Amino acid sequence: MSLMKNIAVVAHDNCKSELLDFVDCNHNILRRHNLVATGTTGGLVEDMIKARVAQMSEDGYDFKPVNKLKSGPLGGDQQLGAMISEGKIDVLIFFWDPMQPQPHDVDVKALLRLAVLYNIPTASNRSTAEFLISSQFFEGEFQRKETDFRDYTQRKL
């Protein structure tokens, strides 16, 4: 992973305010990276960052738009999973709600499965996100161990 990372930020409805607070508290770090988000969350994160930039523009604080995918239930989780499998996501910050059933639970499970399969650093709540962002590897280069899938892809059926 290079110094500038592609960071996916996702939150279920009951967790969006916590994710926005996390992004706001860590905007000085996150602004140096590329953010990708599912639809609704992406719009909220971008609006919050724009407001922060407007307050700090005199300090050379540039605005970098959030790459907004579709809403999770409308295919955004699958789009993000595809980006992970293509090596286009370095970090996943996904505040998901364990107390609320989601109409797209299978997509959420698939997204989390791909993050594990491709060894993507993943935060599922505020505490893990704070640990992840405060790691020395977050702002530095990091060589993620990639799994060799040849045994699987070249298997004889």
C-alpha atoms as a PDB file:
ATOM      1  CA  MET A   1       0.000   0.000   0.000  1.00  0.00           C
ATOM      2  CA  SER A   2       1.269   3.397  -0.861  1.00  0.00           C
ATOM      3  CA  LEU A   3       1.261   6.461   1.370  1.00  0.00           C
ATOM      4  CA  MET A   4      -2.035   7.627  -0.138  1.00  0.00           C
ATOM      5  CA  LYS A   5      -4.644   4.980   0.506  1.00  0.00           C
ATOM      6  CA  ASN A   6      -8.061   4.258  -0.946  1.00  0.00           C
ATOM      7  CA  ILE A   7     -10.325   4.118   2.080  1.00  0.00           C
ATOM      8  CA  ALA A   8     -13.890   2.844   1.922  1.00  0.00           C
ATOM      9  CA  VAL A   9     -16.270   4.321   4.499  1.00  0.00           C
ATOM     10  CA  VAL A  10     -19.679   2.709   4.966  1.00  0.00           C
ATOM     11  CA  ALA A  11     -22.296   2.905   7.707  1.00  0.00           C
ATOM     12  CA  HIS A  12     -25.727   1.490   8.302  1.00  0.00           C
ATOM     13  CA  ASP A  13     -28.414   4.065   9.096  1.00  0.00           C
ATOM     14  CA  ASN A  14     -28.170   3.750  12.895  1.00  0.00           C
ATOM     15  CA  CYS A  15     -24.373   4.134  12.707  1.00  0.00           C
ATOM     16  CA  LYS A  16     -24.057   7.066  10.289  1.00  0.00           C
ATOM     17  CA  SER A  17     -23.794   9.735  12.987  1.00  0.00           C
ATOM     18  CA  GLU A  18     -20.965   7.817  14.681  1.00  0.00           C
ATOM     19  CA  LEU A  19     -19.109   7.439  11.378  1.00  0.00           C
ATOM     20  CA  LEU A  20     -19.560  11.144  10.597  1.00  0.00           C
ATOM     21  CA  ASP A  21     -18.170  12.049  14.010  1.00  0.00           C
ATOM     22  CA  PHE A  22     -15.214   9.709  13.409  1.00  0.00           C
ATOM     23  CA  VAL A  23     -14.530  11.299  10.007  1.00  0.00           C
ATOM     24  CA  ASP A  24     -14.863  14.801  11.480  1.00  0.00           C
ATOM     25  CA  CYS A  25     -12.492  14.013  14.367  1.00  0.00           C
ATOM     26  CA  ASN A  26      -9.959  12.507  11.962  1.00  0.00           C
ATOM     27  CA  HIS A  27     -10.386  14.795   8.945  1.00  0.00           C
ATOM     28  CA  ASN A  28      -6.748  15.942   9.075  1.00  0.00           C
ATOM     29  CA  ILE A  29      -5.613  12.366   8.441  1.00  0.00           C
ATOM     30  CA  LEU A  30      -8.402  11.257   6.114  1.00  0.00           C
ATOM     31  CA  ARG A  31      -8.100  14.296   3.827  1.00  0.00           C
ATOM     32  CA  ARG A  32      -4.723  13.018   2.624  1.00  0.00           C
ATOM     33  CA  HIS A  33      -6.353   9.862   1.251  1.00  0.00           C
ATOM     34  CA  ASN A  34      -8.988   8.929  -1.325  1.00  0.00           C
ATOM     35  CA  LEU A  35     -12.396   8.179   0.171  1.00  0.00           C
ATOM     36  CA  VAL A  36     -14.901   5.811  -1.391  1.00  0.00           C
ATOM     37  CA  ALA A  37     -18.370   5.358   0.085  1.00  0.00           C
ATOM     38  CA  THR A  38     -21.729   3.839  -0.602  1.00  0.00           C
ATOM     39  CA  GLY A  39     -24.393   6.329  -1.701  1.00  0.00           C
ATOM     40  CA  THR A  40     -26.098   7.822   1.316  1.00  0.00           C
ATOM     41  CA  THR A  41     -23.022   7.641   3.524  1.00  0.00           C
ATOM     42  CA  GLY A  42     -20.878   9.144   0.760  1.00  0.00           C
ATOM     43  CA  GLY A  43     -23.155  12.147   0.409  1.00  0.00           C
ATOM     44  CA  LEU A  44     -23.160  12.782   4.151  1.00  0.00           C
ATOM     45  CA  VAL A  45     -19.378  12.393   4.452  1.00  0.00           C
ATOM     46  CA  GLU A  46     -18.779  14.686   1.471  1.00  0.00           C
ATOM     47  CA  ASP A  47     -21.122  17.373   2.859  1.00  0.00           C
ATOM     48  CA  MET A  48     -19.372  17.220   6.239  1.00  0.00           C
ATOM     49  CA  ILE A  49     -15.926  17.457   4.643  1.00  0.00           C
ATOM     50  CA  LYS A  50     -17.035  20.382   2.426  1.00  0.00           C
ATOM     51  CA  ALA A  51     -18.211  22.236   5.539  1.00  0.00           C
ATOM     52  CA  ARG A  52     -14.865  21.560   7.241  1.00  0.00           C
ATOM     53  CA  VAL A  53     -12.944  22.711   4.160  1.00  0.00           C
ATOM     54  CA  ALA A  54     -14.967  25.936   4.026  1.00  0.00           C
ATOM     55  CA  GLN A  55     -13.890  26.658   7.610  1.00  0.00           C
ATOM     56  CA  MET A  56     -10.228  25.880   6.929  1.00  0.00           C
ATOM     57  CA  SER A  57      -9.714  26.919   3.289  1.00  0.00           C
ATOM     58  CA  GLU A  58      -7.351  29.727   4.256  1.00  0.00           C
ATOM     59  CA  ASP A  59      -4.953  27.070   5.606  1.00  0.00           C
ATOM     60  CA  GLY A  60      -4.567  25.391   2.218  1.00  0.00           C
ATOM     61  CA  TYR A  61      -7.033  22.668   3.114  1.00  0.00           C
ATOM     62  CA  ASP A  62      -8.118  21.286  -0.246  1.00  0.00           C
ATOM     63  CA  PHE A  63     -11.366  19.481  -0.932  1.00  0.00           C
ATOM     64  CA  LYS A  64     -11.135  16.026  -2.444  1.00  0.00           C
ATOM     65  CA  PRO A  65     -14.544  14.675  -3.542  1.00  0.00           C
ATOM     66  CA  VAL A  66     -15.743  11.355  -2.185  1.00  0.00           C
ATOM     67  CA  ASN A  67     -16.128   8.623  -4.789  1.00  0.00           C
ATOM     68  CA  LYS A  68     -19.800   7.779  -4.216  1.00  0.00           C
ATOM     69  CA  LEU A  69     -21.085   4.369  -5.213  1.00  0.00           C
ATOM     70  CA  LYS A  70     -24.715   3.259  -5.215  1.00  0.00           C
ATOM     71  CA  SER A  71     -26.569   2.899  -1.942  1.00  0.00           C
ATOM     72  CA  GLY A  72     -25.700  -0.393  -0.219  1.00  0.00           C
ATOM     73  CA  PRO A  73     -29.075  -2.101  -0.751  1.00  0.00           C
ATOM     74  CA  LEU A  74     -29.096  -0.949  -4.397  1.00  0.00           C
ATOM     75  CA  GLY A  75     -25.766  -2.598  -5.235  1.00  0.00           C
ATOM     76  CA  GLY A  76     -23.224  -0.331  -3.534  1.00  0.00           C
ATOM     77  CA  ASP A  77     -21.975  -3.105  -1.241  1.00  0.00           C
ATOM     78  CA  GLN A  78     -21.410  -5.286  -4.294  1.00  0.00           C
ATOM     79  CA  GLN A  79     -19.647  -2.462  -6.132  1.00  0.00           C
ATOM     80  CA  LEU A  80     -17.357  -2.023  -3.144  1.00  0.00           C
ATOM     81  CA  GLY A  81     -16.730  -5.765  -2.982  1.00  0.00           C
ATOM     82  CA  ALA A  82     -15.729  -5.721  -6.629  1.00  0.00           C
ATOM     83  CA  MET A  83     -13.300  -2.865  -5.934  1.00  0.00           C
ATOM     84  CA  ILE A  84     -11.758  -4.905  -3.104  1.00  0.00           C
ATOM     85  CA  SER A  85     -11.331  -7.947  -5.377  1.00  0.00           C
ATOM     86  CA  GLU A  86      -9.722  -5.703  -8.031  1.00  0.00           C
ATOM     87  CA  GLY A  87      -7.199  -4.318  -5.512  1.00  0.00           C
ATOM     88  CA  LYS A  88      -8.706  -0.808  -5.565  1.00  0.00           C
ATOM     89  CA  ILE A  89      -9.473  -0.560  -1.817  1.00  0.00           C
ATOM     90  CA  ASP A  90      -6.768  -0.505   0.856  1.00  0.00           C
ATOM     91  CA  VAL A  91      -8.842  -0.017   4.028  1.00  0.00           C
ATOM     92  CA  LEU A  92     -12.496  -0.666   4.876  1.00  0.00           C
ATOM     93  CA  ILE A  93     -14.202   1.293   7.650  1.00  0.00           C
ATOM     94  CA  PHE A  94     -17.680  -0.200   7.925  1.00  0.00           C
ATOM     95  CA  PHE A  95     -19.806   0.750  10.922  1.00  0.00           C
ATOM     96  CA  TRP A  96     -22.523  -1.888  10.681  1.00  0.00           C
ATOM     97  CA  ASP A  97     -25.502  -2.288  12.955  1.00  0.00           C
ATOM     98  CA  PRO A  98     -25.551  -5.672  14.733  1.00  0.00           C
ATOM     99  CA  MET A  99     -28.977  -4.960  16.263  1.00  0.00           C
ATOM    100  CA  GLN A 100     -30.943  -4.215  13.103  1.00  0.00           C
ATOM    101  CA  PRO A 101     -31.667  -6.724  10.334  1.00  0.00           C
ATOM    102  CA  GLN A 102     -30.753  -5.365   6.926  1.00  0.00           C
ATOM    103  CA  PRO A 103     -32.643  -6.152   3.713  1.00  0.00           C
ATOM    104  CA  HIS A 104     -29.283  -6.714   2.047  1.00  0.00           C
ATOM    105  CA  ASP A 105     -27.645  -8.857   4.759  1.00  0.00           C
ATOM    106  CA  VAL A 106     -26.277 -11.246   2.138  1.00  0.00           C
ATOM    107  CA  ASP A 107     -24.502  -8.355   0.405  1.00  0.00           C
ATOM    108  CA  VAL A 108     -23.059  -7.150   3.712  1.00  0.00           C
ATOM    109  CA  LYS A 109     -21.797 -10.651   4.486  1.00  0.00           C
ATOM    110  CA  ALA A 110     -20.286 -10.911   0.992  1.00  0.00           C
ATOM    111  CA  LEU A 111     -18.530  -7.534   1.415  1.00  0.00           C
ATOM    112  CA  LEU A 112     -17.055  -8.536   4.779  1.00  0.00           C
ATOM    113  CA  ARG A 113     -16.052 -11.932   3.367  1.00  0.00           C
ATOM    114  CA  LEU A 114     -14.121 -10.258   0.535  1.00  0.00           C
ATOM    115  CA  ALA A 115     -12.384  -7.895   2.964  1.00  0.00           C
ATOM    116  CA  VAL A 116     -11.175 -10.930   4.924  1.00  0.00           C
ATOM    117  CA  LEU A 117     -10.362 -12.958   1.802  1.00  0.00           C
ATOM    118  CA  TYR A 118      -8.192 -10.174   0.359  1.00  0.00           C
ATOM    119  CA  ASN A 119      -6.674  -9.292   3.743  1.00  0.00           C
ATOM    120  CA  ILE A 120      -7.976  -5.712   3.802  1.00  0.00           C
ATOM    121  CA  PRO A 121      -7.592  -3.922   7.161  1.00  0.00           C
ATOM    122  CA  THR A 122     -11.187  -3.541   8.367  1.00  0.00           C
ATOM    123  CA  ALA A 123     -12.790  -1.557  11.176  1.00  0.00           C
ATOM    124  CA  SER A 124     -16.334  -2.468  12.165  1.00  0.00           C
ATOM    125  CA  ASN A 125     -16.902   0.085  14.931  1.00  0.00           C
ATOM    126  CA  ARG A 126     -15.470   3.282  16.410  1.00  0.00           C
ATOM    127  CA  SER A 127     -12.886   1.550  18.596  1.00  0.00           C
ATOM    128  CA  THR A 128     -11.399  -0.527  15.776  1.00  0.00           C
ATOM    129  CA  ALA A 129     -11.464   2.501  13.478  1.00  0.00           C
ATOM    130  CA  GLU A 130      -9.517   4.571  16.032  1.00  0.00           C
ATOM    131  CA  PHE A 131      -6.975   1.744  16.462  1.00  0.00           C
ATOM    132  CA  LEU A 132      -6.610   1.413  12.699  1.00  0.00           C
ATOM    133  CA  ILE A 133      -6.217   5.115  11.938  1.00  0.00           C
ATOM    134  CA  SER A 134      -3.706   5.569  14.769  1.00  0.00           C
ATOM    135  CA  SER A 135      -1.491   2.731  13.514  1.00  0.00           C
ATOM    136  CA  GLN A 136       1.947   3.693  12.222  1.00  0.00           C
ATOM    137  CA  PHE A 137       1.039   1.870   9.000  1.00  0.00           C
ATOM    138  CA  PHE A 138      -1.977   4.057   8.244  1.00  0.00           C
ATOM    139  CA  GLU A 139       0.119   7.025   7.127  1.00  0.00           C
ATOM    140  CA  GLY A 140       3.099   4.985   6.010  1.00  0.00           C
ATOM    141  CA  GLU A 141       3.751   2.407   3.387  1.00  0.00           C
ATOM    142  CA  PHE A 142       2.555  -1.062   4.217  1.00  0.00           C
ATOM    143  CA  GLN A 143       3.017  -4.321   2.372  1.00  0.00           C
ATOM    144  CA  ARG A 144      -0.183  -6.294   2.805  1.00  0.00           C
ATOM    145  CA  LYS A 145       0.343 -10.052   2.533  1.00  0.00           C
ATOM    146  CA  GLU A 146      -1.565 -11.201  -0.495  1.00  0.00           C
ATOM    147  CA  THR A 147      -3.042 -14.666  -0.622  1.00  0.00           C
ATOM    148  CA  ASP A 148      -2.034 -16.965  -3.430  1.00  0.00           C
ATOM    149  CA  PHE A 149      -5.253 -18.348  -4.891  1.00  0.00           C
ATOM    150  CA  ARG A 150      -3.593 -20.579  -7.506  1.00  0.00           C
ATOM    151  CA  ASP A 151      -4.472 -23.794  -5.676  1.00  0.00           C
ATOM    152  CA  TYR A 152      -8.107 -22.760  -5.847  1.00  0.00           C
ATOM    153  CA  THR A 153      -8.181 -21.295  -9.351  1.00  0.00           C
ATOM    154  CA  GLN A 154      -6.178 -24.154 -10.905  1.00  0.00           C
ATOM    155  CA  ARG A 155      -7.920 -27.024  -9.128  1.00  0.00           C
ATOM    156  CA  LYS A 156      -9.107 -29.975 -11.169  1.00  0.00           C
ATOM    157  CA  LEU A 157     -12.758 -30.765 -10.769  1.00  0.00           C
END
